[in-house]
Every structure is written in C-alpha cells, then in structure tokens.
Amino acid sequence: MASMGRKITISIPDDVAERLESERNVSAYVTDAIQKRMDAERTRHVLTQLGFDLSEEGMEEARQKLDEARAKITPELTLRVTQLLAEASRGRWRPRA
C-alpha cells in the first residue's frame, strides 16, 4: 500500500496563503509545484554535468545565440521548412545526394 505521506506545518507569506486558499486541494497543488521544482533542479544538475554553463553569464550568452539564430529565420526559410515537413509527412521527401 502506498504511503499517504506526512503532514507538516509551514509558515508562508500572507499573499501565498491567500492564493492557496482558492485551491480545492492545497496538498496536491503544493506537491505538484515542489515536484516541478525538483525536476528543474535535476535537469539543471544534469546539464551542468554535461558541461553547460548555467550561470547568469552563460545563460545570457545562450540568449544572444538564440536571438542571432532567430534573426536568420526568414519568411522564405519558414515556408521551405513547412513544405519539406509536408512532403516528409506524405512520404515524398528524399534527402539530397
């Protein structure tokens, strides 16, 4: 039989308490939020282990690279990609030799 969990008491700011008062199941809401946070922490840990720089400087560099890449996406390129995806979905696309 699965554990029902444990009951704990915490102190939270008034604005957070007011927000939680609107939830039908506060325990489920808080559990979901914390599990998402734990997932994000695990992801950050794995990315760091793989060599990604997740510092503010590293993230800013990544944002700049993303902005540069997005700037290269022209309407013509978008149309061509859309066409290729449509061909591939119909099984007609063949890679160039």
C-alpha atoms as a PDB file:
ATOM      1  CA  MET A   1       0.000   0.000   0.000  1.00  0.00           C
ATOM      2  CA  ALA A   2       1.328   3.435  -0.923  1.00  0.00           C
ATOM      3  CA  SER A   3       2.140   5.868   1.835  1.00  0.00           C
ATOM      4  CA  MET A   4      -0.356   8.653   2.353  1.00  0.00           C
ATOM      5  CA  GLY A   5       2.556  10.975   3.038  1.00  0.00           C
ATOM      6  CA  ARG A   6       3.342  13.065   6.043  1.00  0.00           C
ATOM      7  CA  LYS A   7       1.679  16.090   7.480  1.00  0.00           C
ATOM      8  CA  ILE A   8       3.928  19.078   8.068  1.00  0.00           C
ATOM      9  CA  THR A   9       3.380  22.634   9.223  1.00  0.00           C
ATOM     10  CA  ILE A  10       4.995  25.529   7.375  1.00  0.00           C
ATOM     11  CA  SER A  11       4.902  29.298   7.587  1.00  0.00           C
ATOM     12  CA  ILE A  12       4.248  31.175   4.358  1.00  0.00           C
ATOM     13  CA  PRO A  13       3.758  34.822   3.411  1.00  0.00           C
ATOM     14  CA  ASP A  14       0.212  36.170   3.539  1.00  0.00           C
ATOM     15  CA  ASP A  15      -0.066  36.600  -0.241  1.00  0.00           C
ATOM     16  CA  VAL A  16       0.898  32.960  -0.781  1.00  0.00           C
ATOM     17  CA  ALA A  17      -1.608  31.836   1.849  1.00  0.00           C
ATOM     18  CA  GLU A  18      -4.338  33.865   0.142  1.00  0.00           C
ATOM     19  CA  ARG A  19      -3.516  32.214  -3.190  1.00  0.00           C
ATOM     20  CA  LEU A  20      -3.608  28.730  -1.667  1.00  0.00           C
ATOM     21  CA  GLU A  21      -6.981  29.404  -0.092  1.00  0.00           C
ATOM     22  CA  SER A  22      -8.507  29.331  -3.581  1.00  0.00           C
ATOM     23  CA  GLU A  23      -7.287  25.772  -4.226  1.00  0.00           C
ATOM     24  CA  ARG A  24      -9.590  22.814  -3.644  1.00  0.00           C
ATOM     25  CA  ASN A  25      -6.648  20.554  -2.761  1.00  0.00           C
ATOM     26  CA  VAL A  26      -3.790  22.573  -1.316  1.00  0.00           C
ATOM     27  CA  SER A  27      -1.677  19.484  -0.683  1.00  0.00           C
ATOM     28  CA  ALA A  28      -1.869  18.401  -4.322  1.00  0.00           C
ATOM     29  CA  TYR A  29      -1.155  21.939  -5.547  1.00  0.00           C
ATOM     30  CA  VAL A  30       1.895  22.363  -3.327  1.00  0.00           C
ATOM     31  CA  THR A  31       3.140  18.845  -4.083  1.00  0.00           C
ATOM     32  CA  ASP A  32       2.881  19.476  -7.823  1.00  0.00           C
ATOM     33  CA  ALA A  33       4.753  22.777  -7.531  1.00  0.00           C
ATOM     34  CA  ILE A  34       7.542  21.239  -5.467  1.00  0.00           C
ATOM     35  CA  GLN A  35       7.850  18.225  -7.770  1.00  0.00           C
ATOM     36  CA  LYS A  36       8.226  20.585 -10.734  1.00  0.00           C
ATOM     37  CA  ARG A  37      10.933  22.460  -8.831  1.00  0.00           C
ATOM     38  CA  MET A  38      12.703  19.175  -8.054  1.00  0.00           C
ATOM     39  CA  ASP A  39      12.520  18.181 -11.743  1.00  0.00           C
ATOM     40  CA  ALA A  40      14.041  21.534 -12.727  1.00  0.00           C
ATOM     41  CA  GLU A  41      16.833  21.090 -10.177  1.00  0.00           C
ATOM     42  CA  ARG A  42      17.601  17.606 -11.545  1.00  0.00           C
ATOM     43  CA  THR A  43      17.623  18.971 -15.095  1.00  0.00           C
ATOM     44  CA  ARG A  44      19.995  21.781 -14.122  1.00  0.00           C
ATOM     45  CA  HIS A  45      22.263  19.284 -12.395  1.00  0.00           C
ATOM     46  CA  VAL A  46      22.378  17.009 -15.468  1.00  0.00           C
ATOM     47  CA  LEU A  47      23.018  19.948 -17.807  1.00  0.00           C
ATOM     48  CA  THR A  48      25.824  21.171 -15.566  1.00  0.00           C
ATOM     49  CA  GLN A  49      27.337  17.679 -15.521  1.00  0.00           C
ATOM     50  CA  LEU A  50      27.202  17.690 -19.352  1.00  0.00           C
ATOM     51  CA  GLY A  51      29.197  20.914 -19.429  1.00  0.00           C
ATOM     52  CA  PHE A  52      26.511  23.544 -19.946  1.00  0.00           C
ATOM     53  CA  ASP A  53      27.227  26.900 -18.312  1.00  0.00           C
ATOM     54  CA  LEU A  54      24.058  27.752 -16.400  1.00  0.00           C
ATOM     55  CA  SER A  55      25.470  30.847 -14.716  1.00  0.00           C
ATOM     56  CA  GLU A  56      23.874  34.206 -15.496  1.00  0.00           C
ATOM     57  CA  GLU A  57      26.710  34.886 -17.933  1.00  0.00           C
ATOM     58  CA  GLY A  58      26.280  31.512 -19.628  1.00  0.00           C
ATOM     59  CA  MET A  59      22.530  31.966 -19.892  1.00  0.00           C
ATOM     60  CA  GLU A  60      22.966  35.465 -21.355  1.00  0.00           C
ATOM     61  CA  GLU A  61      25.376  34.092 -23.959  1.00  0.00           C
ATOM     62  CA  ALA A  62      22.847  31.382 -24.840  1.00  0.00           C
ATOM     63  CA  ARG A  63      20.080  34.010 -25.159  1.00  0.00           C
ATOM     64  CA  GLN A  64      22.234  36.049 -27.522  1.00  0.00           C
ATOM     65  CA  LYS A  65      22.982  32.993 -29.666  1.00  0.00           C
ATOM     66  CA  LEU A  66      19.286  32.135 -29.765  1.00  0.00           C
ATOM     67  CA  ASP A  67      18.390  35.697 -30.777  1.00  0.00           C
ATOM     68  CA  GLU A  68      21.015  35.561 -33.549  1.00  0.00           C
ATOM     69  CA  ALA A  69      19.635  32.238 -34.797  1.00  0.00           C
ATOM     70  CA  ARG A  70      16.051  33.533 -34.736  1.00  0.00           C
ATOM     71  CA  ALA A  71      17.111  36.614 -36.710  1.00  0.00           C
ATOM     72  CA  LYS A  72      18.251  34.293 -39.529  1.00  0.00           C
ATOM     73  CA  ILE A  73      14.805  32.729 -39.873  1.00  0.00           C
ATOM     74  CA  THR A  74      13.274  34.459 -42.870  1.00  0.00           C
ATOM     75  CA  PRO A  75       9.712  34.032 -44.125  1.00  0.00           C
ATOM     76  CA  GLU A  76      11.184  32.183 -47.130  1.00  0.00           C
ATOM     77  CA  LEU A  77      13.051  29.752 -44.889  1.00  0.00           C
ATOM     78  CA  THR A  78       9.916  29.175 -42.824  1.00  0.00           C
ATOM     79  CA  LEU A  79       7.936  28.428 -45.984  1.00  0.00           C
ATOM     80  CA  ARG A  80      10.585  26.000 -47.262  1.00  0.00           C
ATOM     81  CA  VAL A  81      10.684  24.143 -43.942  1.00  0.00           C
ATOM     82  CA  THR A  82       6.890  23.926 -43.938  1.00  0.00           C
ATOM     83  CA  GLN A  83       6.977  22.499 -47.453  1.00  0.00           C
ATOM     84  CA  LEU A  84       9.637  19.924 -46.550  1.00  0.00           C
ATOM     85  CA  LEU A  85       7.707  18.840 -43.459  1.00  0.00           C
ATOM     86  CA  ALA A  86       4.559  18.430 -45.547  1.00  0.00           C
ATOM     87  CA  GLU A  87       6.469  16.338 -48.090  1.00  0.00           C
ATOM     88  CA  ALA A  88       8.016  14.226 -45.346  1.00  0.00           C
ATOM     89  CA  SER A  89       4.630  13.595 -43.740  1.00  0.00           C
ATOM     90  CA  ARG A  90       3.351  12.298 -47.088  1.00  0.00           C
ATOM     91  CA  GLY A  91       6.440  10.117 -47.515  1.00  0.00           C
ATOM     92  CA  ARG A  92       7.639  12.051 -50.555  1.00  0.00           C
ATOM     93  CA  TRP A  93      10.718  13.743 -49.179  1.00  0.00           C
ATOM     94  CA  ARG A  94      14.064  12.322 -50.224  1.00  0.00           C
ATOM     95  CA  PRO A  95      17.387  13.629 -48.941  1.00  0.00           C
ATOM     96  CA  ARG A  96      19.629  15.260 -51.497  1.00  0.00           C
ATOM     97  CA  ALA A  97      22.503  13.112 -52.739  1.00  0.00           C
END
